[in-house]
């Protein structure tokens, strides 16, 4: 559904599902590469909030901030119907604060988080234990968003050489894990980009297709760390593919989804169809 009172509303844009969306989700990164305060966040959401579905803290950045600041960021997101995710920090809690995992989930709920991402890129851990975390999060009334990986060490900005020193993960096992999480009540599956389109010498697009086909594209949120990556996903899976991008890329990504603009290989090609 196009934005009401949109400037230049006579210009065509592709149809977008209404919020809360199940497809066409855009998740943006919050504090990580640089800090983000409530004024910057409000600027983003006042201009592009119609197109933002999830706001993700990264790297445990919330644990460095005053509690009031974290609450203000969360409240601002909720004002614009944007869900808030912890980002993939629970693996750090498992390793360093093992006895506080449930306390971590409870605190997330108390602060107003909507989603707890369940990451495991650096962990050697049983699938059963990861699925138990999904069940724990849902039992606390929050949305569980497990991450699946095809590369051990994913999620930490490791170099290509560092990742190549670790064994790749069989995509079939990642797909099976994703299905287990969905059966346990997971909200969406986060598909880590490292090993697919990031920190690889050649993109493994076959893996992205396998995950989309086997897990169900509507269940996946694909990390697209660079514009050429989200362009590839939009070209191959359509404008309503679920994507995780940096907050600085929201305008470019939405212009591409909407069909307003594109690069050489996508300009004028992104379309949607709604049967009346």
C-alpha atoms as a PDB file:
ATOM      1  CA  UNK A   1       0.000   0.000   0.000  1.00  0.00           C
ATOM      2  CA  UNK A   2       1.529   3.341  -1.024  1.00  0.00           C
ATOM      3  CA  UNK A   3       2.184   5.922   1.664  1.00  0.00           C
ATOM      4  CA  UNK A   4      -0.741   8.294   2.184  1.00  0.00           C
ATOM      5  CA  UNK A   5      -0.057  11.959   1.417  1.00  0.00           C
ATOM      6  CA  UNK A   6       3.108  10.999  -0.448  1.00  0.00           C
ATOM      7  CA  UNK A   7       4.806  13.814  -2.313  1.00  0.00           C
ATOM      8  CA  UNK A   8       4.474  13.418  -6.099  1.00  0.00           C
ATOM      9  CA  UNK A   9       1.748  10.847  -5.472  1.00  0.00           C
ATOM     10  CA  UNK A  10       0.916  10.739  -9.195  1.00  0.00           C
ATOM     11  CA  UNK A  11       4.198   8.879  -9.801  1.00  0.00           C
ATOM     12  CA  UNK A  12       3.960   5.083  -9.850  1.00  0.00           C
ATOM     13  CA  UNK A  13       5.527   3.030  -7.083  1.00  0.00           C
ATOM     14  CA  UNK A  14       5.306  -0.736  -6.656  1.00  0.00           C
ATOM     15  CA  UNK A  15       2.747  -2.035  -4.180  1.00  0.00           C
ATOM     16  CA  UNK A  16       4.050  -2.674  -0.652  1.00  0.00           C
ATOM     17  CA  UNK A  17       2.207  -4.763   1.944  1.00  0.00           C
ATOM     18  CA  UNK A  18       0.807  -2.805   4.864  1.00  0.00           C
ATOM     19  CA  UNK A  19       2.435  -2.949   8.287  1.00  0.00           C
ATOM     20  CA  UNK A  20       2.767  -5.268  10.074  1.00  0.00           C
ATOM     21  CA  UNK A  21       4.300  -6.888   6.999  1.00  0.00           C
ATOM     22  CA  UNK A  22       5.205 -10.548   6.609  1.00  0.00           C
ATOM     23  CA  UNK A  23       6.987  -9.945   3.312  1.00  0.00           C
ATOM     24  CA  UNK A  24       8.871  -6.928   2.020  1.00  0.00           C
ATOM     25  CA  UNK A  25      10.369  -6.456   5.501  1.00  0.00           C
ATOM     26  CA  UNK A  26      13.291  -4.076   5.816  1.00  0.00           C
ATOM     27  CA  UNK A  27      15.421  -4.389   8.925  1.00  0.00           C
ATOM     28  CA  UNK A  28      17.938  -1.616   9.510  1.00  0.00           C
ATOM     29  CA  UNK A  29      21.050  -1.573  11.662  1.00  0.00           C
ATOM     30  CA  UNK A  30      21.093   0.779  14.636  1.00  0.00           C
ATOM     31  CA  UNK A  31      24.108   1.543  16.852  1.00  0.00           C
ATOM     32  CA  UNK A  32      27.180  -0.424  15.757  1.00  0.00           C
ATOM     33  CA  UNK A  33      29.445   1.139  13.151  1.00  0.00           C
ATOM     34  CA  UNK A  34      28.582   4.513  14.625  1.00  0.00           C
ATOM     35  CA  UNK A  35      26.389   5.699  17.498  1.00  0.00           C
ATOM     36  CA  UNK A  36      22.751   6.571  16.884  1.00  0.00           C
ATOM     37  CA  UNK A  37      20.747   8.763  19.191  1.00  0.00           C
ATOM     38  CA  UNK A  38      17.002   9.418  19.259  1.00  0.00           C
ATOM     39  CA  UNK A  39      17.226  12.583  17.152  1.00  0.00           C
ATOM     40  CA  UNK A  40      18.989  10.798  14.288  1.00  0.00           C
ATOM     41  CA  UNK A  41      16.593   7.883  14.558  1.00  0.00           C
ATOM     42  CA  UNK A  42      13.588  10.197  14.520  1.00  0.00           C
ATOM     43  CA  UNK A  43      14.923  11.912  11.392  1.00  0.00           C
ATOM     44  CA  UNK A  44      15.147   8.529   9.668  1.00  0.00           C
ATOM     45  CA  UNK A  45      11.693   7.400  10.739  1.00  0.00           C
ATOM     46  CA  UNK A  46       9.923  10.711  10.088  1.00  0.00           C
ATOM     47  CA  UNK A  47      11.102  10.533   6.469  1.00  0.00           C
ATOM     48  CA  UNK A  48      11.344   6.778   5.754  1.00  0.00           C
ATOM     49  CA  UNK A  49       9.586   5.099   8.673  1.00  0.00           C
ATOM     50  CA  UNK A  50       6.817   3.738   6.423  1.00  0.00           C
ATOM     51  CA  UNK A  51       9.430   1.449   4.879  1.00  0.00           C
ATOM     52  CA  UNK A  52      11.223   0.321   8.057  1.00  0.00           C
ATOM     53  CA  UNK A  53       9.964  -2.748   9.902  1.00  0.00           C
ATOM     54  CA  UNK A  54      12.752  -3.718  12.312  1.00  0.00           C
ATOM     55  CA  UNK A  55      15.449  -1.695  14.077  1.00  0.00           C
ATOM     56  CA  UNK A  56      18.396  -3.788  15.211  1.00  0.00           C
ATOM     57  CA  UNK A  57      20.916  -3.029  17.903  1.00  0.00           C
ATOM     58  CA  UNK A  58      24.214  -4.692  16.978  1.00  0.00           C
ATOM     59  CA  UNK A  59      27.244  -5.973  18.820  1.00  0.00           C
ATOM     60  CA  UNK A  60      25.640  -5.630  22.236  1.00  0.00           C
ATOM     61  CA  UNK A  61      25.694  -1.848  21.857  1.00  0.00           C
ATOM     62  CA  UNK A  62      22.690  -1.533  24.191  1.00  0.00           C
ATOM     63  CA  UNK A  63      24.904  -2.731  27.069  1.00  0.00           C
ATOM     64  CA  UNK A  64      27.104   0.378  26.673  1.00  0.00           C
ATOM     65  CA  UNK A  65      24.269   2.891  26.804  1.00  0.00           C
ATOM     66  CA  UNK A  66      22.251   4.459  29.612  1.00  0.00           C
ATOM     67  CA  UNK A  67      19.024   2.559  30.165  1.00  0.00           C
ATOM     68  CA  UNK A  68      16.965   5.700  29.541  1.00  0.00           C
ATOM     69  CA  UNK A  69      18.610   6.132  26.137  1.00  0.00           C
ATOM     70  CA  UNK A  70      17.856   2.527  25.167  1.00  0.00           C
ATOM     71  CA  UNK A  71      14.228   2.959  26.233  1.00  0.00           C
ATOM     72  CA  UNK A  72      13.933   6.212  24.275  1.00  0.00           C
ATOM     73  CA  UNK A  73      15.230   4.573  21.096  1.00  0.00           C
ATOM     74  CA  UNK A  74      12.807   1.680  21.546  1.00  0.00           C
ATOM     75  CA  UNK A  75       9.874   3.997  22.280  1.00  0.00           C
ATOM     76  CA  UNK A  76      10.674   6.067  19.192  1.00  0.00           C
ATOM     77  CA  UNK A  77      10.620   2.943  17.041  1.00  0.00           C
ATOM     78  CA  UNK A  78       7.283   1.855  18.469  1.00  0.00           C
ATOM     79  CA  UNK A  79       5.853   5.300  17.721  1.00  0.00           C
ATOM     80  CA  UNK A  80       6.453   4.510  14.036  1.00  0.00           C
ATOM     81  CA  UNK A  81       5.296   0.851  14.213  1.00  0.00           C
ATOM     82  CA  UNK A  82       8.867  -0.454  14.013  1.00  0.00           C
ATOM     83  CA  UNK A  83       9.839  -3.575  15.938  1.00  0.00           C
ATOM     84  CA  UNK A  84      13.123  -3.566  17.843  1.00  0.00           C
ATOM     85  CA  UNK A  85      15.636  -6.420  17.841  1.00  0.00           C
ATOM     86  CA  UNK A  86      18.474  -7.176  20.219  1.00  0.00           C
ATOM     87  CA  UNK A  87      20.677  -8.219  17.333  1.00  0.00           C
ATOM     88  CA  UNK A  88      22.862 -11.291  17.510  1.00  0.00           C
ATOM     89  CA  UNK A  89      24.354 -10.993  20.979  1.00  0.00           C
ATOM     90  CA  UNK A  90      22.998 -14.008  22.801  1.00  0.00           C
ATOM     91  CA  UNK A  91      25.976 -16.155  21.790  1.00  0.00           C
ATOM     92  CA  UNK A  92      28.188 -13.817  23.810  1.00  0.00           C
ATOM     93  CA  UNK A  93      25.872 -14.224  26.798  1.00  0.00           C
ATOM     94  CA  UNK A  94      26.032 -18.012  26.405  1.00  0.00           C
ATOM     95  CA  UNK A  95      29.833 -17.993  26.527  1.00  0.00           C
ATOM     96  CA  UNK A  96      30.550 -15.292  29.106  1.00  0.00           C
ATOM     97  CA  UNK A  97      27.390 -15.089  31.222  1.00  0.00           C
ATOM     98  CA  UNK A  98      25.958 -18.554  30.857  1.00  0.00           C
ATOM     99  CA  UNK A  99      23.871 -18.345  34.024  1.00  0.00           C
ATOM    100  CA  UNK A 100      22.198 -15.132  32.866  1.00  0.00           C
ATOM    101  CA  UNK A 101      20.707 -16.243  29.521  1.00  0.00           C
ATOM    102  CA  UNK A 102      17.124 -16.221  30.779  1.00  0.00           C
ATOM    103  CA  UNK A 103      17.779 -12.968  32.643  1.00  0.00           C
ATOM    104  CA  UNK A 104      19.038 -11.479  29.348  1.00  0.00           C
ATOM    105  CA  UNK A 105      15.804 -12.456  27.575  1.00  0.00           C
ATOM    106  CA  UNK A 106      13.683 -11.159  30.447  1.00  0.00           C
ATOM    107  CA  UNK A 107      15.568  -7.849  30.513  1.00  0.00           C
ATOM    108  CA  UNK A 108      15.011  -7.472  26.771  1.00  0.00           C
ATOM    109  CA  UNK A 109      11.290  -7.834  27.344  1.00  0.00           C
ATOM    110  CA  UNK A 110      11.301  -5.405  30.266  1.00  0.00           C
ATOM    111  CA  UNK A 111      13.072  -2.756  28.179  1.00  0.00           C
ATOM    112  CA  UNK A 112      10.524  -3.090  25.367  1.00  0.00           C
ATOM    113  CA  UNK A 113      12.424  -5.150  22.799  1.00  0.00           C
ATOM    114  CA  UNK A 114      10.154  -7.089  20.464  1.00  0.00           C
ATOM    115  CA  UNK A 115      12.640  -9.512  18.908  1.00  0.00           C
ATOM    116  CA  UNK A 116      15.544 -11.517  20.300  1.00  0.00           C
ATOM    117  CA  UNK A 117      17.949 -12.643  17.613  1.00  0.00           C
ATOM    118  CA  UNK A 118      19.505 -16.028  18.315  1.00  0.00           C
ATOM    119  CA  UNK A 119      22.950 -16.041  16.744  1.00  0.00           C
ATOM    120  CA  UNK A 120      25.519 -18.827  16.689  1.00  0.00           C
ATOM    121  CA  UNK A 121      28.184 -17.855  14.159  1.00  0.00           C
ATOM    122  CA  UNK A 122      31.004 -18.296  16.670  1.00  0.00           C
ATOM    123  CA  UNK A 123      29.522 -21.180  18.664  1.00  0.00           C
ATOM    124  CA  UNK A 124      29.999 -24.929  18.515  1.00  0.00           C
ATOM    125  CA  UNK A 125      26.606 -25.850  19.917  1.00  0.00           C
ATOM    126  CA  UNK A 126      23.931 -28.482  19.353  1.00  0.00           C
ATOM    127  CA  UNK A 127      20.904 -27.643  17.231  1.00  0.00           C
ATOM    128  CA  UNK A 128      18.714 -28.852  20.093  1.00  0.00           C
ATOM    129  CA  UNK A 129      20.207 -26.191  22.359  1.00  0.00           C
ATOM    130  CA  UNK A 130      19.623 -23.466  19.768  1.00  0.00           C
ATOM    131  CA  UNK A 131      16.015 -24.562  19.317  1.00  0.00           C
ATOM    132  CA  UNK A 132      15.618 -24.494  23.111  1.00  0.00           C
ATOM    133  CA  UNK A 133      16.632 -20.807  22.982  1.00  0.00           C
ATOM    134  CA  UNK A 134      13.889 -20.142  20.436  1.00  0.00           C
ATOM    135  CA  UNK A 135      11.415 -21.805  22.793  1.00  0.00           C
ATOM    136  CA  UNK A 136      12.742 -19.754  25.715  1.00  0.00           C
ATOM    137  CA  UNK A 137      12.296 -16.488  23.836  1.00  0.00           C
ATOM    138  CA  UNK A 138       8.752 -17.325  22.708  1.00  0.00           C
ATOM    139  CA  UNK A 139       7.865 -18.431  26.258  1.00  0.00           C
ATOM    140  CA  UNK A 140       8.768 -14.894  27.368  1.00  0.00           C
ATOM    141  CA  UNK A 141       6.311 -13.466  24.841  1.00  0.00           C
ATOM    142  CA  UNK A 142       8.992 -12.173  22.470  1.00  0.00           C
ATOM    143  CA  UNK A 143       9.653 -12.971  18.821  1.00  0.00           C
ATOM    144  CA  UNK A 144      12.565 -15.345  18.271  1.00  0.00           C
ATOM    145  CA  UNK A 145      14.669 -14.646  15.179  1.00  0.00           C
ATOM    146  CA  UNK A 146      17.292 -17.407  14.889  1.00  0.00           C
ATOM    147  CA  UNK A 147      20.276 -16.942  12.616  1.00  0.00           C
ATOM    148  CA  UNK A 148      21.530 -19.650  10.282  1.00  0.00           C
ATOM    149  CA  UNK A 149      25.042 -19.734   8.854  1.00  0.00           C
ATOM    150  CA  UNK A 150      26.936 -21.557   6.144  1.00  0.00           C
ATOM    151  CA  UNK A 151      30.283 -20.361   7.476  1.00  0.00           C
ATOM    152  CA  UNK A 152      31.698 -20.854  10.969  1.00  0.00           C
ATOM    153  CA  UNK A 153      32.885 -17.505  12.336  1.00  0.00           C
ATOM    154  CA  UNK A 154      30.179 -15.547  10.516  1.00  0.00           C
ATOM    155  CA  UNK A 155      28.977 -12.301  12.022  1.00  0.00           C
ATOM    156  CA  UNK A 156      32.232 -10.811  13.202  1.00  0.00           C
ATOM    157  CA  UNK A 157      33.641  -9.002  10.152  1.00  0.00           C
ATOM    158  CA  UNK A 158      36.370 -11.625   9.792  1.00  0.00           C
ATOM    159  CA  UNK A 159      38.592 -11.471   6.709  1.00  0.00           C
ATOM    160  CA  UNK A 160      38.201 -13.842   3.766  1.00  0.00           C
ATOM    161  CA  UNK A 161      41.440 -15.544   4.778  1.00  0.00           C
ATOM    162  CA  UNK A 162      40.262 -16.028   8.365  1.00  0.00           C
ATOM    163  CA  UNK A 163      36.968 -17.538   7.258  1.00  0.00           C
ATOM    164  CA  UNK A 164      38.672 -19.775   4.723  1.00  0.00           C
ATOM    165  CA  UNK A 165      40.708 -21.248   7.567  1.00  0.00           C
ATOM    166  CA  UNK A 166      37.435 -22.476   9.090  1.00  0.00           C
ATOM    167  CA  UNK A 167      35.367 -25.230   7.555  1.00  0.00           C
ATOM    168  CA  UNK A 168      32.264 -24.188   5.640  1.00  0.00           C
ATOM    169  CA  UNK A 169      28.927 -25.465   6.943  1.00  0.00           C
ATOM    170  CA  UNK A 170      26.802 -27.737   4.774  1.00  0.00           C
ATOM    171  CA  UNK A 171      23.846 -25.611   3.622  1.00  0.00           C
ATOM    172  CA  UNK A 172      21.579 -28.641   4.077  1.00  0.00           C
ATOM    173  CA  UNK A 173      22.277 -28.653   7.822  1.00  0.00           C
ATOM    174  CA  UNK A 174      21.563 -24.900   8.044  1.00  0.00           C
ATOM    175  CA  UNK A 175      18.279 -25.446   6.200  1.00  0.00           C
ATOM    176  CA  UNK A 176      17.294 -28.273   8.531  1.00  0.00           C
ATOM    177  CA  UNK A 177      18.099 -26.099  11.548  1.00  0.00           C
ATOM    178  CA  UNK A 178      15.932 -23.300  10.151  1.00  0.00           C
ATOM    179  CA  UNK A 179      13.006 -25.690   9.783  1.00  0.00           C
ATOM    180  CA  UNK A 180      13.444 -26.851  13.382  1.00  0.00           C
ATOM    181  CA  UNK A 181      13.341 -23.254  14.608  1.00  0.00           C
ATOM    182  CA  UNK A 182      10.194 -22.497  12.631  1.00  0.00           C
ATOM    183  CA  UNK A 183       8.509 -25.577  14.073  1.00  0.00           C
ATOM    184  CA  UNK A 184       9.440 -24.253  17.534  1.00  0.00           C
ATOM    185  CA  UNK A 185       7.674 -20.962  16.840  1.00  0.00           C
ATOM    186  CA  UNK A 186      10.393 -18.735  15.381  1.00  0.00           C
ATOM    187  CA  UNK A 187       9.188 -15.455  13.883  1.00  0.00           C
ATOM    188  CA  UNK A 188      11.697 -15.261  11.012  1.00  0.00           C
ATOM    189  CA  UNK A 189      15.035 -16.816  10.097  1.00  0.00           C
ATOM    190  CA  UNK A 190      18.048 -14.504   9.793  1.00  0.00           C
ATOM    191  CA  UNK A 191      20.291 -15.626   6.916  1.00  0.00           C
ATOM    192  CA  UNK A 192      23.847 -14.476   7.608  1.00  0.00           C
ATOM    193  CA  UNK A 193      25.604 -13.064   4.529  1.00  0.00           C
ATOM    194  CA  UNK A 194      29.125 -14.236   5.320  1.00  0.00           C
ATOM    195  CA  UNK A 195      29.848 -17.338   3.311  1.00  0.00           C
ATOM    196  CA  UNK A 196      27.181 -16.387   0.750  1.00  0.00           C
ATOM    197  CA  UNK A 197      27.720 -12.818  -0.499  1.00  0.00           C
ATOM    198  CA  UNK A 198      30.151 -11.414   2.062  1.00  0.00           C
ATOM    199  CA  UNK A 199      33.782 -12.336   2.817  1.00  0.00           C
ATOM    200  CA  UNK A 200      33.891 -14.769  -0.100  1.00  0.00           C
ATOM    201  CA  UNK A 201      35.938 -14.678  -3.275  1.00  0.00           C
ATOM    202  CA  UNK A 202      32.870 -15.603  -5.343  1.00  0.00           C
ATOM    203  CA  UNK A 203      29.230 -15.266  -4.312  1.00  0.00           C
ATOM    204  CA  UNK A 204      27.493 -18.552  -3.480  1.00  0.00           C
ATOM    205  CA  UNK A 205      24.147 -17.582  -4.933  1.00  0.00           C
ATOM    206  CA  UNK A 206      23.181 -21.244  -5.222  1.00  0.00           C
ATOM    207  CA  UNK A 207      23.094 -21.358  -1.412  1.00  0.00           C
ATOM    208  CA  UNK A 208      20.747 -18.352  -1.268  1.00  0.00           C
ATOM    209  CA  UNK A 209      18.400 -20.066  -3.738  1.00  0.00           C
ATOM    210  CA  UNK A 210      18.531 -23.350  -1.796  1.00  0.00           C
ATOM    211  CA  UNK A 211      17.655 -21.615   1.480  1.00  0.00           C
ATOM    212  CA  UNK A 212      14.848 -19.582  -0.104  1.00  0.00           C
ATOM    213  CA  UNK A 213      13.347 -22.642  -1.797  1.00  0.00           C
ATOM    214  CA  UNK A 214      13.682 -25.051   1.121  1.00  0.00           C
ATOM    215  CA  UNK A 215      12.916 -22.781   4.076  1.00  0.00           C
ATOM    216  CA  UNK A 216      10.415 -20.559   2.273  1.00  0.00           C
ATOM    217  CA  UNK A 217      11.398 -17.097   1.156  1.00  0.00           C
ATOM    218  CA  UNK A 218       8.658 -15.542   3.295  1.00  0.00           C
ATOM    219  CA  UNK A 219      10.336 -16.973   6.410  1.00  0.00           C
ATOM    220  CA  UNK A 220      13.803 -15.580   5.652  1.00  0.00           C
ATOM    221  CA  UNK A 221      15.446 -12.219   6.232  1.00  0.00           C
ATOM    222  CA  UNK A 222      18.584 -12.031   4.095  1.00  0.00           C
ATOM    223  CA  UNK A 223      21.484  -9.911   5.248  1.00  0.00           C
ATOM    224  CA  UNK A 224      22.425  -7.591   2.387  1.00  0.00           C
ATOM    225  CA  UNK A 225      25.401  -5.619   3.608  1.00  0.00           C
ATOM    226  CA  UNK A 226      26.042  -3.742   0.359  1.00  0.00           C
ATOM    227  CA  UNK A 227      23.825  -2.159  -2.310  1.00  0.00           C
ATOM    228  CA  UNK A 228      24.970  -4.634  -4.962  1.00  0.00           C
ATOM    229  CA  UNK A 229      23.839  -7.424  -2.653  1.00  0.00           C
ATOM    230  CA  UNK A 230      20.319  -6.116  -2.010  1.00  0.00           C
ATOM    231  CA  UNK A 231      20.040  -5.333  -5.714  1.00  0.00           C
ATOM    232  CA  UNK A 232      20.781  -9.004  -6.462  1.00  0.00           C
ATOM    233  CA  UNK A 233      18.155 -10.195  -3.980  1.00  0.00           C
ATOM    234  CA  UNK A 234      15.514  -7.794  -5.304  1.00  0.00           C
ATOM    235  CA  UNK A 235      16.267  -8.743  -8.919  1.00  0.00           C
ATOM    236  CA  UNK A 236      16.108 -12.460  -8.217  1.00  0.00           C
ATOM    237  CA  UNK A 237      13.430 -12.690  -5.505  1.00  0.00           C
ATOM    238  CA  UNK A 238      11.323  -9.617  -6.260  1.00  0.00           C
ATOM    239  CA  UNK A 239      10.709  -6.293  -4.483  1.00  0.00           C
ATOM    240  CA  UNK A 240       9.079  -7.919  -1.453  1.00  0.00           C
ATOM    241  CA  UNK A 241      12.021 -10.047  -0.367  1.00  0.00           C
ATOM    242  CA  UNK A 242      12.901  -9.536   3.320  1.00  0.00           C
ATOM    243  CA  UNK A 243      16.231  -7.734   3.778  1.00  0.00           C
ATOM    244  CA  UNK A 244      18.565  -6.575   6.526  1.00  0.00           C
ATOM    245  CA  UNK A 245      20.562  -3.496   5.512  1.00  0.00           C
ATOM    246  CA  UNK A 246      22.491  -0.650   7.081  1.00  0.00           C
ATOM    247  CA  UNK A 247      20.410   2.376   8.101  1.00  0.00           C
ATOM    248  CA  UNK A 248      22.373   4.518   5.625  1.00  0.00           C
ATOM    249  CA  UNK A 249      20.994   2.423   2.737  1.00  0.00           C
ATOM    250  CA  UNK A 250      17.267   2.644   3.449  1.00  0.00           C
ATOM    251  CA  UNK A 251      16.553   5.273   0.794  1.00  0.00           C
ATOM    252  CA  UNK A 252      18.508   3.522  -1.972  1.00  0.00           C
ATOM    253  CA  UNK A 253      16.969   0.160  -1.108  1.00  0.00           C
ATOM    254  CA  UNK A 254      13.418   1.497  -1.056  1.00  0.00           C
ATOM    255  CA  UNK A 255      13.870   3.418  -4.298  1.00  0.00           C
ATOM    256  CA  UNK A 256      14.884   0.101  -5.850  1.00  0.00           C
ATOM    257  CA  UNK A 257      12.023  -1.870  -4.257  1.00  0.00           C
ATOM    258  CA  UNK A 258       9.510   0.732  -5.384  1.00  0.00           C
ATOM    259  CA  UNK A 259      10.734   0.784  -8.977  1.00  0.00           C
ATOM    260  CA  UNK A 260      11.524   4.495  -8.777  1.00  0.00           C
ATOM    261  CA  UNK A 261      15.212   3.982  -9.442  1.00  0.00           C
ATOM    262  CA  UNK A 262      17.863   1.342  -9.931  1.00  0.00           C
ATOM    263  CA  UNK A 263      21.289   0.539 -11.238  1.00  0.00           C
ATOM    264  CA  UNK A 264      22.207  -0.363 -14.795  1.00  0.00           C
ATOM    265  CA  UNK A 265      21.006  -3.953 -14.553  1.00  0.00           C
ATOM    266  CA  UNK A 266      17.847  -3.249 -12.523  1.00  0.00           C
ATOM    267  CA  UNK A 267      16.593   0.162 -13.657  1.00  0.00           C
ATOM    268  CA  UNK A 268      13.038  -0.132 -14.948  1.00  0.00           C
ATOM    269  CA  UNK A 269      12.833  -3.876 -14.236  1.00  0.00           C
ATOM    270  CA  UNK A 270      11.478  -4.051 -10.674  1.00  0.00           C
ATOM    271  CA  UNK A 271       7.707  -4.521 -10.774  1.00  0.00           C
ATOM    272  CA  UNK A 272       4.743  -5.795  -8.762  1.00  0.00           C
ATOM    273  CA  UNK A 273       1.255  -7.005  -9.618  1.00  0.00           C
ATOM    274  CA  UNK A 274      -1.842  -6.944  -7.450  1.00  0.00           C
ATOM    275  CA  UNK A 275      -5.023  -8.548  -8.757  1.00  0.00           C
ATOM    276  CA  UNK A 276      -8.052  -6.410  -7.922  1.00  0.00           C
END
